[in-house]
Amino acid sequence: MLMILGPAHIYAQTVDPSSAKKSRWYLSIQYLGLTYHPGGGTTPEIYPLKLDKKAYLDLEVGIVAKIDYSLGKYAFLRIVSSLYKDCAFVTAGCIHMGPRFQYRWKKSSVNLGIGPIFSFREDWHQFSEYQDDDFYGDRVNGRWQYRYFPTAIELEFLHKINDRMEFQYSLIPGAPLVITSMFGLRFHL
């Protein structure tokens, strides 16, 4: 709406709040919790929170933070950082970024992400039972093991709770060694 105020022709414009641009940014906080080892754990005897003898299922304790930037209805970019206690209950984490492709219906959506990931953990060589595995191998720097994967995949389900918040469940299929699941909330900033 345009208004002319007085003979000096001073213009003022009022803005309809419903027409204001929505932010393209989202923040997620998730609990990193349950992992599944399809062939059983590589060294189950050192897993303090395993749910079965061969450590097919194992609890982990950690947090994941994600920042998303919407590219429109069907895609967004994501940056991820995590810090947690892994199967052997030593400090581990990752840094990841990449695009996500999504499909929405009613109050829910699914998305598929792909991109590089840098993963690290405290060196498992501190355990006498541990033998090099295919996941980290002998990549050791000081007290840390690490691995860079040029391609990692994430599958995710989102369900809208209200206009600013969604329930979020994520699955990282690091098969054949490990499949990690996380759940939490995603906030529209």
N, C-alpha and C. Protein backbone atom coordinates (compact mmCIF):
# COMPACT_ATOMS: atom_id res chain seq x y z
N MET A 1 0.84 -1.17 0.00
CA MET A 1 0.00 0.00 0.00
C MET A 1 0.89 1.23 0.00
N LEU A 2 0.65 2.15 -0.86
CA LEU A 2 1.46 3.34 -1.01
C LEU A 2 0.66 4.54 -0.52
N MET A 3 1.29 5.37 0.31
CA MET A 3 0.59 6.53 0.85
C MET A 3 1.40 7.79 0.57
N ILE A 4 0.74 8.88 0.24
CA ILE A 4 1.41 10.17 0.08
C ILE A 4 1.11 10.97 1.33
N LEU A 5 2.18 11.43 1.97
CA LEU A 5 2.02 12.17 3.22
C LEU A 5 2.38 13.63 3.01
N GLY A 6 1.42 14.46 2.91
CA GLY A 6 1.63 15.91 2.85
C GLY A 6 2.22 16.40 1.54
N PRO A 7 2.36 17.73 1.44
CA PRO A 7 2.83 18.35 0.21
C PRO A 7 4.28 18.04 -0.12
N ALA A 8 5.04 17.56 0.84
CA ALA A 8 6.45 17.27 0.59
C ALA A 8 6.60 15.96 -0.18
N HIS A 9 5.50 15.29 -0.42
CA HIS A 9 5.48 14.02 -1.16
C HIS A 9 6.43 12.99 -0.53
N ILE A 10 6.31 12.81 0.77
CA ILE A 10 7.07 11.77 1.48
C ILE A 10 6.29 10.47 1.33
N TYR A 11 6.95 9.45 0.87
CA TYR A 11 6.30 8.18 0.61
C TYR A 11 6.58 7.20 1.75
N ALA A 12 5.57 6.45 2.12
CA ALA A 12 5.73 5.39 3.11
C ALA A 12 5.07 4.13 2.56
N GLN A 13 5.70 3.03 2.78
CA GLN A 13 5.15 1.76 2.30
C GLN A 13 4.90 0.87 3.50
N THR A 14 3.73 0.27 3.58
CA THR A 14 3.45 -0.69 4.64
C THR A 14 3.66 -2.09 4.06
N VAL A 15 4.17 -2.98 4.90
CA VAL A 15 4.47 -4.34 4.46
C VAL A 15 3.49 -5.30 5.11
N ASP A 16 2.89 -6.12 4.31
CA ASP A 16 2.00 -7.16 4.81
C ASP A 16 2.87 -8.27 5.40
N PRO A 17 2.76 -8.58 6.73
CA PRO A 17 3.63 -9.58 7.35
C PRO A 17 3.53 -10.96 6.71
N SER A 18 2.40 -11.32 6.14
CA SER A 18 2.26 -12.64 5.53
C SER A 18 3.05 -12.76 4.24
N SER A 19 3.44 -11.61 3.65
CA SER A 19 4.21 -11.67 2.41
C SER A 19 5.72 -11.64 2.67
N ALA A 20 6.13 -11.54 3.93
CA ALA A 20 7.55 -11.52 4.25
C ALA A 20 8.19 -12.83 3.82
N LYS A 21 9.44 -12.75 3.34
CA LYS A 21 10.15 -13.95 2.89
C LYS A 21 10.47 -14.86 4.07
N LYS A 22 10.25 -16.14 3.86
CA LYS A 22 10.59 -17.13 4.86
C LYS A 22 12.09 -17.42 4.79
N SER A 23 12.68 -17.65 5.95
CA SER A 23 14.09 -18.01 6.00
C SER A 23 14.32 -19.35 5.29
N ARG A 24 15.47 -19.49 4.67
CA ARG A 24 15.82 -20.75 4.01
C ARG A 24 16.66 -21.65 4.92
N TRP A 25 16.89 -21.24 6.16
CA TRP A 25 17.78 -21.95 7.07
C TRP A 25 17.03 -22.82 8.07
N TYR A 26 17.64 -23.98 8.36
CA TYR A 26 17.10 -24.92 9.34
C TYR A 26 18.25 -25.40 10.23
N LEU A 27 17.94 -25.70 11.48
CA LEU A 27 18.91 -26.25 12.43
C LEU A 27 18.32 -27.53 13.00
N SER A 28 19.12 -28.59 13.03
CA SER A 28 18.69 -29.87 13.60
C SER A 28 19.60 -30.24 14.76
N ILE A 29 19.00 -30.80 15.79
CA ILE A 29 19.73 -31.40 16.91
C ILE A 29 19.19 -32.81 17.06
N GLN A 30 20.09 -33.80 17.00
CA GLN A 30 19.67 -35.20 17.07
C GLN A 30 20.49 -35.96 18.10
N TYR A 31 19.87 -37.00 18.63
CA TYR A 31 20.55 -37.96 19.50
C TYR A 31 21.04 -39.11 18.62
N LEU A 32 22.33 -39.38 18.70
CA LEU A 32 22.90 -40.52 17.98
C LEU A 32 22.86 -41.68 18.96
N GLY A 33 22.11 -42.71 18.60
CA GLY A 33 21.84 -43.73 19.59
C GLY A 33 22.10 -45.17 19.22
N LEU A 34 21.33 -45.72 18.33
CA LEU A 34 21.39 -47.16 18.08
C LEU A 34 22.15 -47.45 16.79
N THR A 35 23.08 -48.41 16.87
CA THR A 35 23.78 -48.87 15.66
C THR A 35 23.49 -50.36 15.47
N TYR A 36 23.51 -50.73 14.21
CA TYR A 36 23.32 -52.12 13.83
C TYR A 36 24.55 -52.56 13.06
N HIS A 37 25.16 -53.66 13.48
CA HIS A 37 26.30 -54.26 12.78
C HIS A 37 25.78 -55.49 12.05
N PRO A 38 25.60 -55.45 10.72
CA PRO A 38 25.01 -56.58 9.99
C PRO A 38 25.70 -57.92 10.22
N GLY A 39 27.01 -57.92 10.39
CA GLY A 39 27.73 -59.18 10.63
C GLY A 39 28.13 -59.37 12.07
N GLY A 40 27.60 -58.55 12.95
CA GLY A 40 28.04 -58.54 14.35
C GLY A 40 29.21 -57.58 14.48
N GLY A 41 29.50 -57.15 15.70
CA GLY A 41 30.60 -56.22 15.93
C GLY A 41 31.95 -56.84 15.62
N THR A 42 32.90 -56.03 15.19
CA THR A 42 34.23 -56.55 14.85
C THR A 42 34.99 -57.00 16.10
N THR A 43 34.73 -56.37 17.23
CA THR A 43 35.37 -56.73 18.50
C THR A 43 34.33 -56.60 19.61
N PRO A 44 33.30 -57.45 19.62
CA PRO A 44 32.19 -57.25 20.55
C PRO A 44 32.57 -57.29 22.03
N GLU A 45 33.67 -57.93 22.36
CA GLU A 45 34.07 -58.02 23.77
C GLU A 45 34.44 -56.67 24.38
N ILE A 46 34.70 -55.65 23.55
CA ILE A 46 35.05 -54.33 24.09
C ILE A 46 33.87 -53.34 24.00
N TYR A 47 32.69 -53.81 23.63
CA TYR A 47 31.51 -52.94 23.50
C TYR A 47 30.71 -52.97 24.81
N PRO A 48 30.81 -51.97 25.65
CA PRO A 48 30.12 -52.03 26.94
C PRO A 48 28.60 -51.90 26.85
N LEU A 49 28.06 -51.32 25.77
CA LEU A 49 26.61 -51.11 25.67
C LEU A 49 25.95 -51.97 24.59
N LYS A 50 26.57 -53.12 24.29
CA LYS A 50 25.97 -54.02 23.29
C LYS A 50 24.69 -54.62 23.84
N LEU A 51 23.73 -54.85 22.94
CA LEU A 51 22.44 -55.39 23.36
C LEU A 51 22.33 -56.89 23.14
N ASP A 52 23.35 -57.49 22.55
CA ASP A 52 23.39 -58.94 22.37
C ASP A 52 24.85 -59.37 22.35
N LYS A 53 25.09 -60.66 22.49
CA LYS A 53 26.45 -61.19 22.65
C LYS A 53 27.40 -60.84 21.51
N LYS A 54 26.91 -60.86 20.27
CA LYS A 54 27.77 -60.58 19.11
C LYS A 54 27.72 -59.11 18.69
N ALA A 55 27.01 -58.30 19.44
CA ALA A 55 26.92 -56.85 19.19
C ALA A 55 26.32 -56.51 17.82
N TYR A 56 25.28 -57.24 17.45
CA TYR A 56 24.53 -56.84 16.27
C TYR A 56 23.89 -55.47 16.52
N LEU A 57 23.34 -55.31 17.73
CA LEU A 57 22.78 -54.02 18.14
C LEU A 57 23.60 -53.46 19.28
N ASP A 58 23.87 -52.16 19.18
CA ASP A 58 24.73 -51.51 20.17
C ASP A 58 24.23 -50.09 20.39
N LEU A 59 24.25 -49.65 21.64
CA LEU A 59 23.88 -48.27 21.95
C LEU A 59 25.11 -47.37 21.89
N GLU A 60 24.92 -46.20 21.40
CA GLU A 60 25.94 -45.17 21.42
C GLU A 60 25.32 -43.93 22.06
N VAL A 61 26.15 -43.06 22.58
CA VAL A 61 25.66 -41.86 23.24
C VAL A 61 26.33 -40.66 22.58
N GLY A 62 25.51 -39.82 21.92
CA GLY A 62 26.10 -38.67 21.27
C GLY A 62 25.10 -37.68 20.74
N ILE A 63 25.63 -36.62 20.18
CA ILE A 63 24.80 -35.54 19.65
C ILE A 63 25.25 -35.21 18.23
N VAL A 64 24.28 -34.84 17.41
CA VAL A 64 24.53 -34.46 16.02
C VAL A 64 23.88 -33.10 15.79
N ALA A 65 24.61 -32.19 15.17
CA ALA A 65 24.07 -30.88 14.80
C ALA A 65 24.12 -30.76 13.28
N LYS A 66 23.03 -30.26 12.70
CA LYS A 66 22.95 -30.12 11.25
C LYS A 66 22.42 -28.73 10.92
N ILE A 67 23.01 -28.13 9.90
CA ILE A 67 22.53 -26.85 9.36
C ILE A 67 22.14 -27.11 7.91
N ASP A 68 20.91 -26.73 7.56
CA ASP A 68 20.40 -26.91 6.20
C ASP A 68 20.08 -25.56 5.57
N TYR A 69 20.32 -25.48 4.27
CA TYR A 69 19.95 -24.30 3.49
C TYR A 69 19.08 -24.76 2.33
N SER A 70 17.83 -24.33 2.32
CA SER A 70 16.87 -24.77 1.32
C SER A 70 17.19 -24.19 -0.06
N LEU A 71 17.13 -25.05 -1.06
CA LEU A 71 17.31 -24.63 -2.45
C LEU A 71 15.98 -24.62 -3.19
N GLY A 72 14.90 -24.85 -2.47
CA GLY A 72 13.58 -24.91 -3.08
C GLY A 72 12.82 -26.12 -2.58
N LYS A 73 11.79 -26.48 -3.29
CA LYS A 73 10.89 -27.54 -2.86
C LYS A 73 11.55 -28.92 -2.84
N TYR A 74 12.51 -29.17 -3.72
CA TYR A 74 13.03 -30.52 -3.89
C TYR A 74 14.48 -30.74 -3.44
N ALA A 75 15.15 -29.70 -2.93
CA ALA A 75 16.56 -29.89 -2.58
C ALA A 75 17.01 -28.90 -1.50
N PHE A 76 18.05 -29.30 -0.78
CA PHE A 76 18.71 -28.40 0.17
C PHE A 76 20.15 -28.86 0.35
N LEU A 77 20.98 -27.98 0.91
CA LEU A 77 22.37 -28.29 1.23
C LEU A 77 22.46 -28.50 2.74
N ARG A 78 23.34 -29.41 3.16
CA ARG A 78 23.47 -29.71 4.58
C ARG A 78 24.93 -29.77 4.99
N ILE A 79 25.21 -29.26 6.21
CA ILE A 79 26.49 -29.42 6.89
C ILE A 79 26.21 -30.12 8.20
N VAL A 80 26.99 -31.17 8.52
CA VAL A 80 26.75 -32.00 9.70
C VAL A 80 28.02 -32.10 10.53
N SER A 81 27.84 -32.09 11.83
CA SER A 81 28.94 -32.36 12.76
C SER A 81 28.39 -33.22 13.89
N SER A 82 29.15 -34.22 14.29
CA SER A 82 28.71 -35.07 15.39
C SER A 82 29.85 -35.33 16.36
N LEU A 83 29.48 -35.60 17.59
CA LEU A 83 30.42 -35.99 18.63
C LEU A 83 29.69 -37.01 19.51
N TYR A 84 30.31 -38.16 19.72
CA TYR A 84 29.62 -39.23 20.45
C TYR A 84 30.61 -40.21 21.05
N LYS A 85 30.09 -41.12 21.86
CA LYS A 85 30.86 -42.25 22.37
C LYS A 85 30.47 -43.44 21.51
N ASP A 86 31.43 -44.06 20.85
CA ASP A 86 31.13 -45.13 19.89
C ASP A 86 30.92 -46.47 20.57
N CYS A 87 30.96 -47.54 19.79
CA CYS A 87 30.70 -48.89 20.31
C CYS A 87 31.61 -49.27 21.47
N ALA A 88 32.88 -48.87 21.40
CA ALA A 88 33.83 -49.17 22.46
C ALA A 88 33.79 -48.11 23.57
N PHE A 89 32.87 -47.17 23.46
CA PHE A 89 32.66 -46.06 24.38
C PHE A 89 33.90 -45.16 24.48
N VAL A 90 34.50 -44.91 23.31
CA VAL A 90 35.55 -43.90 23.21
C VAL A 90 35.01 -42.76 22.35
N THR A 91 35.62 -41.60 22.44
CA THR A 91 35.15 -40.43 21.72
C THR A 91 35.32 -40.60 20.21
N ALA A 92 34.29 -40.25 19.47
CA ALA A 92 34.30 -40.35 18.01
C ALA A 92 33.46 -39.21 17.45
N GLY A 93 33.52 -39.04 16.15
CA GLY A 93 32.71 -37.99 15.52
C GLY A 93 32.90 -37.96 14.02
N CYS A 94 32.24 -36.98 13.40
CA CYS A 94 32.38 -36.81 11.96
C CYS A 94 32.03 -35.40 11.55
N ILE A 95 32.47 -35.06 10.36
CA ILE A 95 32.10 -33.80 9.70
C ILE A 95 31.70 -34.20 8.29
N HIS A 96 30.55 -33.67 7.83
CA HIS A 96 30.01 -34.07 6.54
C HIS A 96 29.29 -32.89 5.90
N MET A 97 29.27 -32.86 4.60
CA MET A 97 28.45 -31.88 3.89
C MET A 97 28.04 -32.43 2.54
N GLY A 98 26.90 -31.93 2.05
CA GLY A 98 26.45 -32.37 0.74
C GLY A 98 25.00 -32.00 0.48
N PRO A 99 24.56 -32.23 -0.75
CA PRO A 99 23.18 -31.92 -1.12
C PRO A 99 22.21 -33.00 -0.63
N ARG A 100 20.95 -32.59 -0.49
CA ARG A 100 19.86 -33.50 -0.15
C ARG A 100 18.75 -33.30 -1.18
N PHE A 101 18.16 -34.40 -1.59
CA PHE A 101 17.05 -34.37 -2.53
C PHE A 101 15.84 -34.91 -1.79
N GLN A 102 14.73 -34.15 -1.81
CA GLN A 102 13.61 -34.50 -0.97
C GLN A 102 12.30 -34.63 -1.73
N TYR A 103 11.43 -35.42 -1.13
CA TYR A 103 10.07 -35.58 -1.64
C TYR A 103 9.13 -35.31 -0.47
N ARG A 104 8.16 -34.41 -0.66
CA ARG A 104 7.23 -34.02 0.40
C ARG A 104 5.81 -34.47 0.07
N TRP A 105 5.07 -34.83 1.10
CA TRP A 105 3.63 -35.07 0.98
C TRP A 105 3.01 -34.68 2.32
N LYS A 106 1.87 -34.04 2.27
CA LYS A 106 1.15 -33.57 3.46
C LYS A 106 2.10 -33.00 4.50
N LYS A 107 2.21 -33.65 5.67
CA LYS A 107 3.07 -33.14 6.75
C LYS A 107 4.42 -33.85 6.84
N SER A 108 4.73 -34.71 5.90
CA SER A 108 5.95 -35.51 5.98
C SER A 108 6.82 -35.32 4.75
N SER A 109 8.07 -35.75 4.88
CA SER A 109 8.98 -35.76 3.74
C SER A 109 10.07 -36.79 3.98
N VAL A 110 10.66 -37.24 2.91
CA VAL A 110 11.85 -38.10 2.96
C VAL A 110 12.92 -37.42 2.11
N ASN A 111 14.16 -37.62 2.50
CA ASN A 111 15.24 -37.09 1.68
C ASN A 111 16.40 -38.04 1.64
N LEU A 112 17.17 -37.91 0.59
CA LEU A 112 18.38 -38.70 0.37
C LEU A 112 19.53 -37.74 0.22
N GLY A 113 20.57 -37.97 1.00
CA GLY A 113 21.75 -37.11 0.93
C GLY A 113 22.96 -37.88 0.52
N ILE A 114 23.87 -37.17 -0.11
CA ILE A 114 25.13 -37.77 -0.53
C ILE A 114 26.21 -36.70 -0.42
N GLY A 115 27.41 -37.13 -0.10
CA GLY A 115 28.52 -36.19 -0.01
C GLY A 115 29.67 -36.79 0.78
N PRO A 116 30.77 -36.07 0.85
CA PRO A 116 31.96 -36.58 1.56
C PRO A 116 31.78 -36.51 3.07
N ILE A 117 32.52 -37.40 3.76
CA ILE A 117 32.49 -37.40 5.23
C ILE A 117 33.90 -37.69 5.75
N PHE A 118 34.26 -36.98 6.80
CA PHE A 118 35.51 -37.24 7.52
C PHE A 118 35.11 -37.77 8.88
N SER A 119 35.53 -38.99 9.19
CA SER A 119 35.14 -39.68 10.42
C SER A 119 36.39 -39.93 11.27
N PHE A 120 36.24 -39.83 12.59
CA PHE A 120 37.38 -40.05 13.48
C PHE A 120 36.91 -40.71 14.77
N ARG A 121 37.84 -41.34 15.46
CA ARG A 121 37.59 -41.92 16.78
C ARG A 121 38.91 -42.06 17.51
N GLU A 122 38.83 -42.18 18.85
CA GLU A 122 40.03 -42.48 19.61
C GLU A 122 40.54 -43.85 19.16
N ASP A 123 41.84 -43.99 19.10
CA ASP A 123 42.47 -45.20 18.56
C ASP A 123 42.09 -46.45 19.36
N TRP A 124 41.51 -47.42 18.66
CA TRP A 124 41.10 -48.67 19.29
C TRP A 124 42.29 -49.59 19.56
N HIS A 125 43.47 -49.25 19.08
CA HIS A 125 44.64 -50.09 19.37
C HIS A 125 44.95 -50.12 20.87
N GLN A 126 44.32 -49.25 21.66
CA GLN A 126 44.48 -49.27 23.11
C GLN A 126 43.87 -50.53 23.73
N PHE A 127 43.01 -51.23 22.98
CA PHE A 127 42.39 -52.46 23.46
C PHE A 127 43.17 -53.65 22.92
N SER A 128 43.60 -54.55 23.80
CA SER A 128 44.41 -55.71 23.36
C SER A 128 43.62 -56.62 22.42
N GLU A 129 42.30 -56.63 22.52
CA GLU A 129 41.46 -57.49 21.68
C GLU A 129 41.31 -56.97 20.25
N TYR A 130 41.60 -55.70 20.06
CA TYR A 130 41.35 -55.07 18.76
C TYR A 130 42.38 -55.47 17.72
N GLN A 131 41.89 -55.80 16.53
CA GLN A 131 42.73 -56.01 15.36
C GLN A 131 42.22 -55.05 14.30
N ASP A 132 43.10 -54.58 13.44
CA ASP A 132 42.68 -53.63 12.41
C ASP A 132 41.41 -54.11 11.72
N ASP A 133 40.51 -53.15 11.44
CA ASP A 133 39.28 -53.48 10.73
C ASP A 133 39.27 -52.75 9.39
N ASP A 134 38.29 -53.09 8.57
CA ASP A 134 38.20 -52.48 7.24
C ASP A 134 37.72 -51.04 7.28
N PHE A 135 37.11 -50.63 8.39
CA PHE A 135 36.55 -49.29 8.45
C PHE A 135 37.64 -48.22 8.62
N TYR A 136 38.47 -48.36 9.65
CA TYR A 136 39.56 -47.40 9.88
C TYR A 136 40.92 -47.94 9.47
N GLY A 137 41.10 -49.25 9.57
CA GLY A 137 42.38 -49.83 9.22
C GLY A 137 43.50 -49.30 10.09
N ASP A 138 44.64 -49.02 9.48
CA ASP A 138 45.78 -48.53 10.26
C ASP A 138 45.95 -47.01 10.13
N ARG A 139 44.89 -46.29 9.79
CA ARG A 139 44.95 -44.83 9.70
C ARG A 139 44.96 -44.26 11.12
N VAL A 140 46.14 -43.94 11.65
CA VAL A 140 46.28 -43.45 13.01
C VAL A 140 47.14 -42.19 12.99
N ASN A 141 46.69 -41.19 13.75
CA ASN A 141 47.47 -39.96 13.94
C ASN A 141 47.42 -39.64 15.43
N GLY A 142 48.55 -39.86 16.12
CA GLY A 142 48.56 -39.67 17.57
C GLY A 142 47.64 -40.66 18.22
N ARG A 143 46.67 -40.16 19.00
CA ARG A 143 45.73 -41.07 19.68
C ARG A 143 44.43 -41.23 18.91
N TRP A 144 44.38 -40.81 17.64
CA TRP A 144 43.15 -40.84 16.84
C TRP A 144 43.26 -41.71 15.60
N GLN A 145 42.20 -42.42 15.31
CA GLN A 145 42.04 -43.10 14.03
C GLN A 145 41.11 -42.22 13.20
N TYR A 146 41.27 -42.25 11.89
CA TYR A 146 40.46 -41.38 11.04
C TYR A 146 40.24 -42.04 9.69
N ARG A 147 39.25 -41.54 8.97
CA ARG A 147 38.99 -42.02 7.63
C ARG A 147 38.19 -40.97 6.87
N TYR A 148 38.57 -40.73 5.65
CA TYR A 148 37.83 -39.84 4.76
C TYR A 148 37.15 -40.70 3.70
N PHE A 149 35.85 -40.52 3.55
CA PHE A 149 35.09 -41.20 2.52
C PHE A 149 34.61 -40.14 1.53
N PRO A 150 34.95 -40.24 0.26
CA PRO A 150 34.49 -39.24 -0.70
C PRO A 150 32.98 -39.25 -0.92
N THR A 151 32.34 -40.38 -0.60
CA THR A 151 30.90 -40.48 -0.78
C THR A 151 30.27 -41.20 0.41
N ALA A 152 29.30 -40.55 1.03
CA ALA A 152 28.52 -41.16 2.10
C ALA A 152 27.05 -40.87 1.81
N ILE A 153 26.18 -41.72 2.32
CA ILE A 153 24.74 -41.58 2.05
C ILE A 153 24.00 -41.44 3.38
N GLU A 154 22.95 -40.63 3.37
CA GLU A 154 22.06 -40.50 4.52
C GLU A 154 20.62 -40.55 4.01
N LEU A 155 19.79 -41.34 4.69
CA LEU A 155 18.36 -41.40 4.40
C LEU A 155 17.65 -40.77 5.60
N GLU A 156 16.59 -40.02 5.32
CA GLU A 156 15.96 -39.30 6.42
C GLU A 156 14.45 -39.18 6.22
N PHE A 157 13.74 -39.22 7.35
CA PHE A 157 12.30 -39.00 7.39
C PHE A 157 12.03 -37.79 8.28
N LEU A 158 11.20 -36.86 7.82
CA LEU A 158 10.81 -35.69 8.60
C LEU A 158 9.28 -35.64 8.70
N HIS A 159 8.78 -35.28 9.88
CA HIS A 159 7.34 -35.12 10.05
C HIS A 159 7.08 -33.79 10.76
N LYS A 160 6.27 -32.95 10.14
CA LYS A 160 5.99 -31.61 10.64
C LYS A 160 5.18 -31.67 11.93
N ILE A 161 5.69 -31.01 12.98
CA ILE A 161 4.99 -30.90 14.25
C ILE A 161 4.18 -29.60 14.28
N ASN A 162 4.82 -28.51 13.84
CA ASN A 162 4.15 -27.22 13.69
C ASN A 162 4.91 -26.42 12.63
N ASP A 163 4.60 -25.14 12.47
CA ASP A 163 5.23 -24.34 11.41
C ASP A 163 6.73 -24.15 11.59
N ARG A 164 7.27 -24.36 12.78
CA ARG A 164 8.68 -24.12 13.03
C ARG A 164 9.48 -25.37 13.38
N MET A 165 8.82 -26.52 13.57
CA MET A 165 9.52 -27.69 14.08
C MET A 165 9.07 -28.98 13.40
N GLU A 166 10.04 -29.90 13.18
CA GLU A 166 9.76 -31.21 12.60
C GLU A 166 10.45 -32.29 13.41
N PHE A 167 9.82 -33.46 13.54
CA PHE A 167 10.49 -34.64 14.07
C PHE A 167 11.40 -35.16 12.97
N GLN A 168 12.59 -35.63 13.34
CA GLN A 168 13.58 -36.05 12.35
C GLN A 168 14.17 -37.41 12.74
N TYR A 169 14.13 -38.36 11.80
CA TYR A 169 14.77 -39.67 11.98
C TYR A 169 15.72 -39.88 10.81
N SER A 170 16.98 -40.15 11.12
CA SER A 170 18.00 -40.32 10.07
C SER A 170 18.66 -41.68 10.18
N LEU A 171 19.06 -42.20 9.04
CA LEU A 171 19.72 -43.50 8.94
C LEU A 171 20.93 -43.35 8.04
N ILE A 172 22.10 -43.76 8.54
CA ILE A 172 23.33 -43.72 7.75
C ILE A 172 23.75 -45.16 7.49
N PRO A 173 23.56 -45.62 6.25
CA PRO A 173 23.88 -47.02 5.93
C PRO A 173 25.35 -47.20 5.58
N GLY A 174 26.19 -47.40 6.62
CA GLY A 174 27.61 -47.66 6.41
C GLY A 174 27.86 -49.15 6.24
N ALA A 175 26.92 -49.84 5.58
CA ALA A 175 27.02 -51.29 5.39
C ALA A 175 28.21 -51.60 4.49
N PRO A 176 28.86 -52.71 4.68
CA PRO A 176 28.42 -53.87 5.45
C PRO A 176 28.82 -53.84 6.92
N LEU A 177 29.52 -52.80 7.40
CA LEU A 177 30.01 -52.82 8.77
C LEU A 177 29.05 -52.26 9.81
N VAL A 178 28.39 -51.14 9.52
CA VAL A 178 27.56 -50.50 10.53
C VAL A 178 26.45 -49.67 9.88
N ILE A 179 25.30 -49.66 10.53
CA ILE A 179 24.18 -48.81 10.12
C ILE A 179 23.79 -48.01 11.37
N THR A 180 23.85 -46.70 11.27
CA THR A 180 23.63 -45.82 12.42
C THR A 180 22.30 -45.10 12.30
N SER A 181 21.57 -45.01 13.41
CA SER A 181 20.30 -44.28 13.41
C SER A 181 20.35 -43.15 14.43
N MET A 182 19.63 -42.06 14.10
CA MET A 182 19.58 -40.87 14.93
C MET A 182 18.15 -40.33 14.90
N PHE A 183 17.74 -39.68 15.97
CA PHE A 183 16.45 -39.02 15.98
C PHE A 183 16.55 -37.70 16.74
N GLY A 184 15.68 -36.76 16.38
CA GLY A 184 15.70 -35.47 17.04
C GLY A 184 14.70 -34.52 16.43
N LEU A 185 15.03 -33.23 16.50
CA LEU A 185 14.14 -32.18 16.01
C LEU A 185 14.87 -31.27 15.03
N ARG A 186 14.13 -30.79 14.05
CA ARG A 186 14.63 -29.85 13.05
C ARG A 186 13.80 -28.57 13.18
N PHE A 187 14.50 -27.43 13.32
CA PHE A 187 13.85 -26.15 13.54
C PHE A 187 14.03 -25.23 12.33
N HIS A 188 12.97 -24.58 11.94
CA HIS A 188 13.02 -23.57 10.88
C HIS A 188 13.48 -22.27 11.54
N LEU A 189 14.59 -21.73 11.07
CA LEU A 189 15.12 -20.50 11.67
C LEU A 189 14.52 -19.26 11.07
